[in-house]
Amino acid sequence: PKVSPKKTWSGTAAGWVAAAVVGWVFLLFTNAGWDIVWISALLSFSSQ
């Protein structure tokens, strides 16, 4: 709240889940391994 008063934990966590889903979708049609799922979640955190 001191830095970003509008950002909530619910929105933050939803972003992580959505990013992991994007990684899972790319897993289905590329040669990427399962690591892409948690890497996507880390990317989400980095973007936040």
All heavy atoms as atom14 arrays in JSON, in Angstrom:
{
  "sequence": "PKVSPKKTWSGTAAGWVAAAVVGWVFLLFTNAGWDIVWISALLSFSSQ",
  "atom14_mask": [
    [1, 1, 1, 1, 1, 1, 1, 0, 0, 0, 0, 0, 0, 0],
    [1, 1, 1, 1, 1, 1, 1, 1, 1, 0, 0, 0, 0, 0],
    [1, 1, 1, 1, 1, 1, 1, 0, 0, 0, 0, 0, 0, 0],
    [1, 1, 1, 1, 1, 1, 0, 0, 0, 0, 0, 0, 0, 0],
    [1, 1, 1, 1, 1, 1, 1, 0, 0, 0, 0, 0, 0, 0],
    [1, 1, 1, 1, 1, 1, 1, 1, 1, 0, 0, 0, 0, 0],
    [1, 1, 1, 1, 1, 1, 1, 1, 1, 0, 0, 0, 0, 0],
    [1, 1, 1, 1, 1, 1, 1, 0, 0, 0, 0, 0, 0, 0],
    [1, 1, 1, 1, 1, 1, 1, 1, 1, 1, 1, 1, 1, 1],
    [1, 1, 1, 1, 1, 1, 0, 0, 0, 0, 0, 0, 0, 0],
    [1, 1, 1, 1, 0, 0, 0, 0, 0, 0, 0, 0, 0, 0],
    [1, 1, 1, 1, 1, 1, 1, 0, 0, 0, 0, 0, 0, 0],
    [1, 1, 1, 1, 1, 0, 0, 0, 0, 0, 0, 0, 0, 0],
    [1, 1, 1, 1, 1, 0, 0, 0, 0, 0, 0, 0, 0, 0],
    [1, 1, 1, 1, 0, 0, 0, 0, 0, 0, 0, 0, 0, 0],
    [1, 1, 1, 1, 1, 1, 1, 1, 1, 1, 1, 1, 1, 1],
    [1, 1, 1, 1, 1, 1, 1, 0, 0, 0, 0, 0, 0, 0],
    [1, 1, 1, 1, 1, 0, 0, 0, 0, 0, 0, 0, 0, 0],
    [1, 1, 1, 1, 1, 0, 0, 0, 0, 0, 0, 0, 0, 0],
    [1, 1, 1, 1, 1, 0, 0, 0, 0, 0, 0, 0, 0, 0],
    [1, 1, 1, 1, 1, 1, 1, 0, 0, 0, 0, 0, 0, 0],
    [1, 1, 1, 1, 1, 1, 1, 0, 0, 0, 0, 0, 0, 0],
    [1, 1, 1, 1, 0, 0, 0, 0, 0, 0, 0, 0, 0, 0],
    [1, 1, 1, 1, 1, 1, 1, 1, 1, 1, 1, 1, 1, 1],
    [1, 1, 1, 1, 1, 1, 1, 0, 0, 0, 0, 0, 0, 0],
    [1, 1, 1, 1, 1, 1, 1, 1, 1, 1, 1, 0, 0, 0],
    [1, 1, 1, 1, 1, 1, 1, 1, 0, 0, 0, 0, 0, 0],
    [1, 1, 1, 1, 1, 1, 1, 1, 0, 0, 0, 0, 0, 0],
    [1, 1, 1, 1, 1, 1, 1, 1, 1, 1, 1, 0, 0, 0],
    [1, 1, 1, 1, 1, 1, 1, 0, 0, 0, 0, 0, 0, 0],
    [1, 1, 1, 1, 1, 1, 1, 1, 0, 0, 0, 0, 0, 0],
    [1, 1, 1, 1, 1, 0, 0, 0, 0, 0, 0, 0, 0, 0],
    [1, 1, 1, 1, 0, 0, 0, 0, 0, 0, 0, 0, 0, 0],
    [1, 1, 1, 1, 1, 1, 1, 1, 1, 1, 1, 1, 1, 1],
    [1, 1, 1, 1, 1, 1, 1, 1, 0, 0, 0, 0, 0, 0],
    [1, 1, 1, 1, 1, 1, 1, 1, 0, 0, 0, 0, 0, 0],
    [1, 1, 1, 1, 1, 1, 1, 0, 0, 0, 0, 0, 0, 0],
    [1, 1, 1, 1, 1, 1, 1, 1, 1, 1, 1, 1, 1, 1],
    [1, 1, 1, 1, 1, 1, 1, 1, 0, 0, 0, 0, 0, 0],
    [1, 1, 1, 1, 1, 1, 0, 0, 0, 0, 0, 0, 0, 0],
    [1, 1, 1, 1, 1, 0, 0, 0, 0, 0, 0, 0, 0, 0],
    [1, 1, 1, 1, 1, 1, 1, 1, 0, 0, 0, 0, 0, 0],
    [1, 1, 1, 1, 1, 1, 1, 1, 0, 0, 0, 0, 0, 0],
    [1, 1, 1, 1, 1, 1, 0, 0, 0, 0, 0, 0, 0, 0],
    [1, 1, 1, 1, 1, 1, 1, 1, 1, 1, 1, 0, 0, 0],
    [1, 1, 1, 1, 1, 1, 0, 0, 0, 0, 0, 0, 0, 0],
    [1, 1, 1, 1, 1, 1, 0, 0, 0, 0, 0, 0, 0, 0],
    [1, 1, 1, 1, 1, 1, 1, 1, 1, 0, 0, 0, 0, 0]
  ],
  "atom14_positions": [
    [[0.79, -1.24, 0.0], [0.0, 0.0, 0.0], [0.81, 1.29, 0.0], [0.38, 2.29, -0.55], [-0.84, -0.12, 1.28], [-0.15, -1.14, 2.12], [0.5, -2.09, 1.17], [0.0, 0.0, 0.0], [0.0, 0.0, 0.0], [0.0, 0.0, 0.0], [0.0, 0.0, 0.0], [0.0, 0.0, 0.0], [0.0, 0.0, 0.0], [0.0, 0.0, 0.0]],
    [[2.0, 1.26, 0.59], [2.8, 2.49, 0.63], [3.34, 2.87, -0.75], [3.65, 4.04, -0.99], [3.96, 2.32, 1.61], [3.54, 2.28, 3.07], [4.75, 2.23, 3.99], [4.33, 2.22, 5.44], [5.5, 2.19, 6.37], [0.0, 0.0, 0.0], [0.0, 0.0, 0.0], [0.0, 0.0, 0.0], [0.0, 0.0, 0.0], [0.0, 0.0, 0.0]],
    [[3.47, 1.89, -1.61], [4.03, 2.14, -2.94], [2.96, 2.14, -4.02], [2.91, 3.03, -4.86], [5.11, 1.08, -3.29], [5.64, 1.3, -4.7], [6.24, 1.13, -2.27], [0.0, 0.0, 0.0], [0.0, 0.0, 0.0], [0.0, 0.0, 0.0], [0.0, 0.0, 0.0], [0.0, 0.0, 0.0], [0.0, 0.0, 0.0], [0.0, 0.0, 0.0]],
    [[2.09, 1.14, -3.98], [1.04, 1.01, -5.0], [-0.29, 0.75, -4.29], [-0.67, -0.41, -4.09], [1.38, -0.14, -5.97], [0.44, -0.22, -7.01], [0.0, 0.0, 0.0], [0.0, 0.0, 0.0], [0.0, 0.0, 0.0], [0.0, 0.0, 0.0], [0.0, 0.0, 0.0], [0.0, 0.0, 0.0], [0.0, 0.0, 0.0], [0.0, 0.0, 0.0]],
    [[-1.0, 1.79, -3.93], [-2.2, 1.64, -3.1], [-3.34, 0.86, -3.75], [-4.22, 0.38, -3.05], [-2.62, 3.09, -2.81], [-1.86, 3.94, -3.74], [-0.67, 3.2, -4.2], [0.0, 0.0, 0.0], [0.0, 0.0, 0.0], [0.0, 0.0, 0.0], [0.0, 0.0, 0.0], [0.0, 0.0, 0.0], [0.0, 0.0, 0.0], [0.0, 0.0, 0.0]],
    [[-3.35, 0.73, -5.08], [-4.45, 0.03, -5.75], [-4.17, -1.46, -5.94], [-5.09, -2.23, -6.2], [-4.72, 0.66, -7.12], [-5.3, 2.07, -7.05], [-5.62, 2.59, -8.43], [-6.24, 3.97, -8.37], [-6.58, 4.48, -9.73], [0.0, 0.0, 0.0], [0.0, 0.0, 0.0], [0.0, 0.0, 0.0], [0.0, 0.0, 0.0], [0.0, 0.0, 0.0]],
    [[-2.94, -1.88, -5.84], [-2.6, -3.28, -6.11], [-2.94, -4.14, -4.9], [-2.5, -3.86, -3.79], [-1.11, -3.41, -6.46], [-0.72, -4.8, -6.96], [0.74, -4.84, -7.37], [1.0, -4.01, -8.59], [0.28, -4.53, -9.79], [0.0, 0.0, 0.0], [0.0, 0.0, 0.0], [0.0, 0.0, 0.0], [0.0, 0.0, 0.0], [0.0, 0.0, 0.0]],
    [[-3.72, -5.2, -5.14], [-4.16, -6.09, -4.08], [-3.5, -7.45, -4.2], [-2.97, -7.82, -5.26], [-5.69, -6.29, -4.14], [-6.02, -6.92, -5.39], [-6.42, -4.96, -4.04], [0.0, 0.0, 0.0], [0.0, 0.0, 0.0], [0.0, 0.0, 0.0], [0.0, 0.0, 0.0], [0.0, 0.0, 0.0], [0.0, 0.0, 0.0], [0.0, 0.0, 0.0]],
    [[-3.55, -8.21, -3.12], [-3.04, -9.57, -3.14], [-3.86, -10.45, -4.07], [-3.34, -11.36, -4.72], [-3.02, -10.16, -1.73], [-1.74, -9.89, -1.0], [-1.56, -9.0, 0.02], [-0.47, -10.49, -1.25], [-0.25, -9.0, 0.43], [0.44, -9.91, -0.33], [0.0, -11.43, -2.15], [1.79, -10.26, -0.29], [1.34, -11.79, -2.12], [2.21, -11.21, -1.19]],
    [[-5.17, -10.2, -4.15], [-6.01, -11.0, -5.04], [-5.62, -10.8, -6.49], [-5.52, -11.76, -7.27], [-7.49, -10.64, -4.83], [-7.74, -9.28, -5.12], [0.0, 0.0, 0.0], [0.0, 0.0, 0.0], [0.0, 0.0, 0.0], [0.0, 0.0, 0.0], [0.0, 0.0, 0.0], [0.0, 0.0, 0.0], [0.0, 0.0, 0.0], [0.0, 0.0, 0.0]],
    [[-5.38, -9.54, -6.87], [-4.95, -9.26, -8.24], [-3.56, -9.79, -8.53], [-3.28, -10.3, -9.61], [0.0, 0.0, 0.0], [0.0, 0.0, 0.0], [0.0, 0.0, 0.0], [0.0, 0.0, 0.0], [0.0, 0.0, 0.0], [0.0, 0.0, 0.0], [0.0, 0.0, 0.0], [0.0, 0.0, 0.0], [0.0, 0.0, 0.0], [0.0, 0.0, 0.0]],
    [[-2.68, -9.68, -7.54], [-1.31, -10.16, -7.71], [-1.28, -11.67, -7.92], [-0.64, -12.17, -8.85], [-0.47, -9.8, -6.47], [-0.48, -8.38, -6.28], [0.96, -10.28, -6.63], [0.0, 0.0, 0.0], [0.0, 0.0, 0.0], [0.0, 0.0, 0.0], [0.0, 0.0, 0.0], [0.0, 0.0, 0.0], [0.0, 0.0, 0.0], [0.0, 0.0, 0.0]],
    [[-2.0, -12.39, -7.07], [-2.05, -13.85, -7.19], [-2.73, -14.28, -8.48], [-2.3, -15.26, -9.13], [-2.78, -14.45, -5.99], [0.0, 0.0, 0.0], [0.0, 0.0, 0.0], [0.0, 0.0, 0.0], [0.0, 0.0, 0.0], [0.0, 0.0, 0.0], [0.0, 0.0, 0.0], [0.0, 0.0, 0.0], [0.0, 0.0, 0.0], [0.0, 0.0, 0.0]],
    [[-3.77, -13.56, -8.9], [-4.45, -13.88, -10.15], [-3.49, -13.73, -11.33], [-3.54, -14.51, -12.29], [-5.66, -12.97, -10.33], [0.0, 0.0, 0.0], [0.0, 0.0, 0.0], [0.0, 0.0, 0.0], [0.0, 0.0, 0.0], [0.0, 0.0, 0.0], [0.0, 0.0, 0.0], [0.0, 0.0, 0.0], [0.0, 0.0, 0.0], [0.0, 0.0, 0.0]],
    [[-2.61, -12.74, -11.25], [-1.62, -12.56, -12.31], [-0.67, -13.75, -12.4], [-0.32, -14.2, -13.5], [0.0, 0.0, 0.0], [0.0, 0.0, 0.0], [0.0, 0.0, 0.0], [0.0, 0.0, 0.0], [0.0, 0.0, 0.0], [0.0, 0.0, 0.0], [0.0, 0.0, 0.0], [0.0, 0.0, 0.0], [0.0, 0.0, 0.0], [0.0, 0.0, 0.0]],
    [[-0.24, -14.27, -11.25], [0.65, -15.44, -11.25], [-0.03, -16.65, -11.89], [0.56, -17.35, -12.7], [1.06, -15.79, -9.83], [1.81, -14.73, -9.11], [2.46, -13.66, -9.67], [1.99, -14.6, -7.68], [3.03, -12.87, -8.69], [2.76, -13.43, -7.47], [1.57, -15.36, -6.6], [3.12, -13.01, -6.2], [1.92, -14.94, -5.32], [2.68, -13.78, -5.13]],
    [[-1.28, -16.87, -11.49], [-2.01, -18.02, -12.02], [-2.22, -17.88, -13.53], [-2.02, -18.84, -14.3], [-3.38, -18.17, -11.31], [-4.21, -19.26, -11.96], [-3.17, -18.46, -9.83], [0.0, 0.0, 0.0], [0.0, 0.0, 0.0], [0.0, 0.0, 0.0], [0.0, 0.0, 0.0], [0.0, 0.0, 0.0], [0.0, 0.0, 0.0], [0.0, 0.0, 0.0]],
    [[-2.61, -16.7, -13.96], [-2.84, -16.47, -15.39], [-1.56, -16.69, -16.19], [-1.58, -17.28, -17.28], [-3.38, -15.05, -15.61], [0.0, 0.0, 0.0], [0.0, 0.0, 0.0], [0.0, 0.0, 0.0], [0.0, 0.0, 0.0], [0.0, 0.0, 0.0], [0.0, 0.0, 0.0], [0.0, 0.0, 0.0], [0.0, 0.0, 0.0], [0.0, 0.0, 0.0]],
    [[-0.44, -16.21, -15.66], [0.84, -16.39, -16.35], [1.21, -17.87, -16.44], [1.71, -18.34, -17.47], [1.94, -15.62, -15.61], [0.0, 0.0, 0.0], [0.0, 0.0, 0.0], [0.0, 0.0, 0.0], [0.0, 0.0, 0.0], [0.0, 0.0, 0.0], [0.0, 0.0, 0.0], [0.0, 0.0, 0.0], [0.0, 0.0, 0.0], [0.0, 0.0, 0.0]],
    [[0.99, -18.62, -15.36], [1.27, -20.05, -15.37], [0.42, -20.77, -16.41], [0.89, -21.69, -17.09], [1.03, -20.65, -13.99], [0.0, 0.0, 0.0], [0.0, 0.0, 0.0], [0.0, 0.0, 0.0], [0.0, 0.0, 0.0], [0.0, 0.0, 0.0], [0.0, 0.0, 0.0], [0.0, 0.0, 0.0], [0.0, 0.0, 0.0], [0.0, 0.0, 0.0]],
    [[-0.82, -20.34, -16.57], [-1.71, -20.93, -17.58], [-1.18, -20.64, -18.98], [-1.21, -21.51, -19.86], [-3.15, -20.4, -17.41], [-4.02, -20.82, -18.6], [-3.75, -20.89, -16.11], [0.0, 0.0, 0.0], [0.0, 0.0, 0.0], [0.0, 0.0, 0.0], [0.0, 0.0, 0.0], [0.0, 0.0, 0.0], [0.0, 0.0, 0.0], [0.0, 0.0, 0.0]],
    [[-0.7, -19.43, -19.2], [-0.09, -19.11, -20.49], [1.09, -20.04, -20.77], [1.24, -20.57, -21.88], [0.37, -17.63, -20.53], [1.2, -17.36, -21.79], [-0.83, -16.69, -20.48], [0.0, 0.0, 0.0], [0.0, 0.0, 0.0], [0.0, 0.0, 0.0], [0.0, 0.0, 0.0], [0.0, 0.0, 0.0], [0.0, 0.0, 0.0], [0.0, 0.0, 0.0]],
    [[1.93, -20.25, -19.76], [3.04, -21.17, -19.92], [2.58, -22.58, -20.25], [3.16, -23.25, -21.12], [0.0, 0.0, 0.0], [0.0, 0.0, 0.0], [0.0, 0.0, 0.0], [0.0, 0.0, 0.0], [0.0, 0.0, 0.0], [0.0, 0.0, 0.0], [0.0, 0.0, 0.0], [0.0, 0.0, 0.0], [0.0, 0.0, 0.0], [0.0, 0.0, 0.0]],
    [[1.53, -23.04, -19.58], [0.98, -24.37, -19.83], [0.46, -24.49, -21.26], [0.66, -25.52, -21.92], [-0.13, -24.66, -18.82], [-0.82, -25.98, -19.09], [-0.38, -27.23, -18.77], [-2.09, -26.15, -19.71], [-1.28, -28.18, -19.17], [-2.36, -27.54, -19.76], [-3.04, -25.28, -20.25], [-3.52, -28.07, -20.31], [-4.2, -25.79, -20.79], [-4.42, -27.17, -20.83]],
    [[-0.21, -23.46, -21.76], [-0.72, -23.46, -23.14], [0.44, -23.6, -24.13], [0.36, -24.38, -25.08], [-1.54, -22.19, -23.42], [-1.87, -22.08, -24.91], [-2.83, -22.2, -22.6], [0.0, 0.0, 0.0], [0.0, 0.0, 0.0], [0.0, 0.0, 0.0], [0.0, 0.0, 0.0], [0.0, 0.0, 0.0], [0.0, 0.0, 0.0], [0.0, 0.0, 0.0]],
    [[1.53, -22.85, -23.9], [2.68, -22.95, -24.8], [3.35, -24.31, -24.69], [3.96, -24.79, -25.65], [3.67, -21.82, -24.51], [3.4, -20.56, -25.27], [2.34, -19.74, -24.91], [4.19, -20.18, -26.34], [2.06, -18.58, -25.61], [3.94, -19.02, -27.05], [2.86, -18.22, -26.69], [0.0, 0.0, 0.0], [0.0, 0.0, 0.0], [0.0, 0.0, 0.0]],
    [[3.23, -24.93, -23.55], [3.77, -26.27, -23.37], [3.09, -27.26, -24.31], [3.71, -28.23, -24.77], [3.57, -26.7, -21.91], [3.91, -28.14, -21.52], [5.42, -28.37, -21.65], [3.46, -28.42, -20.1], [0.0, 0.0, 0.0], [0.0, 0.0, 0.0], [0.0, 0.0, 0.0], [0.0, 0.0, 0.0], [0.0, 0.0, 0.0], [0.0, 0.0, 0.0]],
    [[1.82, -27.02, -24.63], [1.04, -27.96, -25.44], [1.47, -28.03, -26.9], [1.32, -29.06, -27.54], [-0.45, -27.59, -25.36], [-1.11, -27.65, -23.98], [-2.55, -27.22, -24.06], [-0.98, -29.05, -23.38], [0.0, 0.0, 0.0], [0.0, 0.0, 0.0], [0.0, 0.0, 0.0], [0.0, 0.0, 0.0], [0.0, 0.0, 0.0], [0.0, 0.0, 0.0]],
    [[2.0, -26.92, -27.44], [2.31, -26.93, -28.88], [3.76, -26.53, -29.19], [4.09, -26.25, -30.34], [1.34, -26.01, -29.64], [1.44, -24.55, -29.29], [2.29, -23.72, -29.99], [0.68, -24.02, -28.26], [2.38, -22.38, -29.68], [0.75, -22.68, -27.94], [1.61, -21.86, -28.66], [0.0, 0.0, 0.0], [0.0, 0.0, 0.0], [0.0, 0.0, 0.0]],
    [[4.61, -26.51, -28.17], [6.04, -26.24, -28.39], [6.85, -27.37, -27.76], [6.3, -28.27, -27.13], [6.47, -24.91, -27.77], [6.41, -25.01, -26.34], [5.57, -23.77, -28.24], [0.0, 0.0, 0.0], [0.0, 0.0, 0.0], [0.0, 0.0, 0.0], [0.0, 0.0, 0.0], [0.0, 0.0, 0.0], [0.0, 0.0, 0.0], [0.0, 0.0, 0.0]],
    [[8.16, -27.32, -27.96], [9.04, -28.33, -27.37], [9.55, -27.93, -26.0], [10.49, -28.51, -25.48], [10.22, -28.6, -28.31], [11.05, -27.35, -28.57], [10.7, -26.26, -28.11], [12.13, -27.51, -29.31], [0.0, 0.0, 0.0], [0.0, 0.0, 0.0], [0.0, 0.0, 0.0], [0.0, 0.0, 0.0], [0.0, 0.0, 0.0], [0.0, 0.0, 0.0]],
    [[8.92, -26.92, -25.4], [9.33, -26.48, -24.06], [8.96, -27.54, -23.03], [7.96, -28.24, -23.15], [8.64, -25.16, -23.72], [0.0, 0.0, 0.0], [0.0, 0.0, 0.0], [0.0, 0.0, 0.0], [0.0, 0.0, 0.0], [0.0, 0.0, 0.0], [0.0, 0.0, 0.0], [0.0, 0.0, 0.0], [0.0, 0.0, 0.0], [0.0, 0.0, 0.0]],
    [[9.77, -27.64, -21.99], [9.47, -28.56, -20.89], [8.56, -27.91, -19.87], [8.16, -26.75, -20.0], [0.0, 0.0, 0.0], [0.0, 0.0, 0.0], [0.0, 0.0, 0.0], [0.0, 0.0, 0.0], [0.0, 0.0, 0.0], [0.0, 0.0, 0.0], [0.0, 0.0, 0.0], [0.0, 0.0, 0.0], [0.0, 0.0, 0.0], [0.0, 0.0, 0.0]],
    [[8.25, -28.66, -18.8], [7.34, -28.17, -17.78], [7.89, -26.96, -17.03], [7.15, -26.23, -16.36], [7.03, -29.29, -16.78], [5.97, -30.22, -17.28], [6.14, -31.43, -17.88], [4.56, -29.99, -17.25], [4.92, -31.98, -18.22], [3.93, -31.11, -17.82], [3.76, -28.95, -16.76], [2.56, -31.22, -17.96], [2.38, -29.06, -16.88], [1.8, -30.18, -17.47]],
    [[9.19, -26.72, -17.15], [9.78, -25.55, -16.49], [9.15, -24.25, -16.94], [9.17, -23.25, -16.22], [11.29, -25.5, -16.75], [12.04, -26.55, -15.95], [11.45, -27.1, -15.0], [13.21, -26.83, -16.29], [0.0, 0.0, 0.0], [0.0, 0.0, 0.0], [0.0, 0.0, 0.0], [0.0, 0.0, 0.0], [0.0, 0.0, 0.0], [0.0, 0.0, 0.0]],
    [[8.58, -24.27, -18.15], [8.02, -23.03, -18.68], [6.86, -22.53, -17.82], [6.57, -21.33, -17.78], [7.56, -23.21, -20.14], [7.24, -21.85, -20.76], [6.36, -24.14, -20.23], [6.87, -21.91, -22.22], [0.0, 0.0, 0.0], [0.0, 0.0, 0.0], [0.0, 0.0, 0.0], [0.0, 0.0, 0.0], [0.0, 0.0, 0.0], [0.0, 0.0, 0.0]],
    [[6.21, -23.44, -17.1], [5.07, -23.04, -16.27], [5.53, -22.16, -15.11], [5.02, -21.06, -14.89], [4.31, -24.27, -15.76], [3.19, -23.85, -14.81], [3.74, -25.07, -16.93], [0.0, 0.0, 0.0], [0.0, 0.0, 0.0], [0.0, 0.0, 0.0], [0.0, 0.0, 0.0], [0.0, 0.0, 0.0], [0.0, 0.0, 0.0], [0.0, 0.0, 0.0]],
    [[6.54, -22.64, -14.34], [6.99, -21.82, -13.21], [7.83, -20.63, -13.67], [7.85, -19.59, -13.0], [7.75, -22.66, -12.19], [9.04, -23.3, -12.64], [9.22, -24.57, -13.1], [10.33, -22.69, -12.65], [10.54, -24.8, -13.4], [11.25, -23.66, -13.13], [10.81, -21.42, -12.3], [12.61, -23.4, -13.28], [12.17, -21.16, -12.45], [13.05, -22.14, -12.93]],
    [[8.5, -20.77, -14.82], [9.22, -19.61, -15.35], [8.23, -18.51, -15.73], [8.49, -17.32, -15.51], [10.08, -20.02, -16.57], [11.26, -20.88, -16.11], [10.58, -18.78, -17.31], [12.09, -21.43, -17.25], [0.0, 0.0, 0.0], [0.0, 0.0, 0.0], [0.0, 0.0, 0.0], [0.0, 0.0, 0.0], [0.0, 0.0, 0.0], [0.0, 0.0, 0.0]],
    [[7.09, -18.9, -16.28], [6.06, -17.92, -16.62], [5.56, -17.21, -15.36], [5.33, -15.99, -15.37], [4.89, -18.61, -17.33], [5.29, -19.16, -18.56], [0.0, 0.0, 0.0], [0.0, 0.0, 0.0], [0.0, 0.0, 0.0], [0.0, 0.0, 0.0], [0.0, 0.0, 0.0], [0.0, 0.0, 0.0], [0.0, 0.0, 0.0], [0.0, 0.0, 0.0]],
    [[5.4, -17.96, -14.28], [4.95, -17.35, -13.02], [6.0, -16.38, -12.48], [5.67, -15.3, -11.98], [4.65, -18.43, -11.99], [0.0, 0.0, 0.0], [0.0, 0.0, 0.0], [0.0, 0.0, 0.0], [0.0, 0.0, 0.0], [0.0, 0.0, 0.0], [0.0, 0.0, 0.0], [0.0, 0.0, 0.0], [0.0, 0.0, 0.0], [0.0, 0.0, 0.0]],
    [[7.29, -16.75, -12.61], [8.35, -15.84, -12.19], [8.4, -14.59, -13.06], [8.65, -13.48, -12.58], [9.7, -16.56, -12.23], [10.04, -17.47, -11.04], [11.42, -18.08, -11.24], [9.99, -16.7, -9.72], [0.0, 0.0, 0.0], [0.0, 0.0, 0.0], [0.0, 0.0, 0.0], [0.0, 0.0, 0.0], [0.0, 0.0, 0.0], [0.0, 0.0, 0.0]],
    [[8.16, -14.77, -14.35], [8.08, -13.62, -15.24], [6.95, -12.7, -14.82], [7.08, -11.47, -14.86], [7.87, -14.08, -16.68], [9.08, -14.27, -17.57], [8.64, -14.71, -18.96], [9.91, -13.0, -17.66], [0.0, 0.0, 0.0], [0.0, 0.0, 0.0], [0.0, 0.0, 0.0], [0.0, 0.0, 0.0], [0.0, 0.0, 0.0], [0.0, 0.0, 0.0]],
    [[5.84, -13.29, -14.42], [4.7, -12.52, -13.95], [5.1, -11.66, -12.74], [4.81, -10.46, -12.69], [3.56, -13.46, -13.57], [2.5, -12.75, -12.96], [0.0, 0.0, 0.0], [0.0, 0.0, 0.0], [0.0, 0.0, 0.0], [0.0, 0.0, 0.0], [0.0, 0.0, 0.0], [0.0, 0.0, 0.0], [0.0, 0.0, 0.0], [0.0, 0.0, 0.0]],
    [[5.78, -12.29, -11.79], [6.23, -11.56, -10.61], [7.19, -10.44, -11.0], [7.12, -9.33, -10.46], [6.9, -12.52, -9.63], [7.44, -11.85, -8.41], [6.59, -11.38, -7.42], [8.81, -11.69, -8.23], [7.08, -10.76, -6.28], [9.31, -11.07, -7.1], [8.45, -10.6, -6.12], [0.0, 0.0, 0.0], [0.0, 0.0, 0.0], [0.0, 0.0, 0.0]],
    [[8.09, -10.72, -11.95], [9.05, -9.7, -12.41], [8.33, -8.53, -13.06], [8.71, -7.37, -12.86], [10.03, -10.32, -13.4], [10.74, -11.37, -12.8], [0.0, 0.0, 0.0], [0.0, 0.0, 0.0], [0.0, 0.0, 0.0], [0.0, 0.0, 0.0], [0.0, 0.0, 0.0], [0.0, 0.0, 0.0], [0.0, 0.0, 0.0], [0.0, 0.0, 0.0]],
    [[7.3, -8.82, -13.84], [6.54, -7.74, -14.47], [5.82, -6.91, -13.41], [5.73, -5.68, -13.53], [5.54, -8.31, -15.48], [4.45, -8.94, -14.84], [0.0, 0.0, 0.0], [0.0, 0.0, 0.0], [0.0, 0.0, 0.0], [0.0, 0.0, 0.0], [0.0, 0.0, 0.0], [0.0, 0.0, 0.0], [0.0, 0.0, 0.0], [0.0, 0.0, 0.0]],
    [[5.32, -7.57, -12.37], [4.67, -6.83, -11.28], [5.67, -5.95, -10.53], [5.34, -4.83, -10.11], [4.01, -7.81, -10.32], [2.8, -8.52, -10.91], [2.35, -9.71, -10.08], [3.09, -10.22, -9.25], [1.12, -10.16, -10.3], [0.0, 0.0, 0.0], [0.0, 0.0, 0.0], [0.0, 0.0, 0.0], [0.0, 0.0, 0.0], [0.0, 0.0, 0.0]]
  ]
}
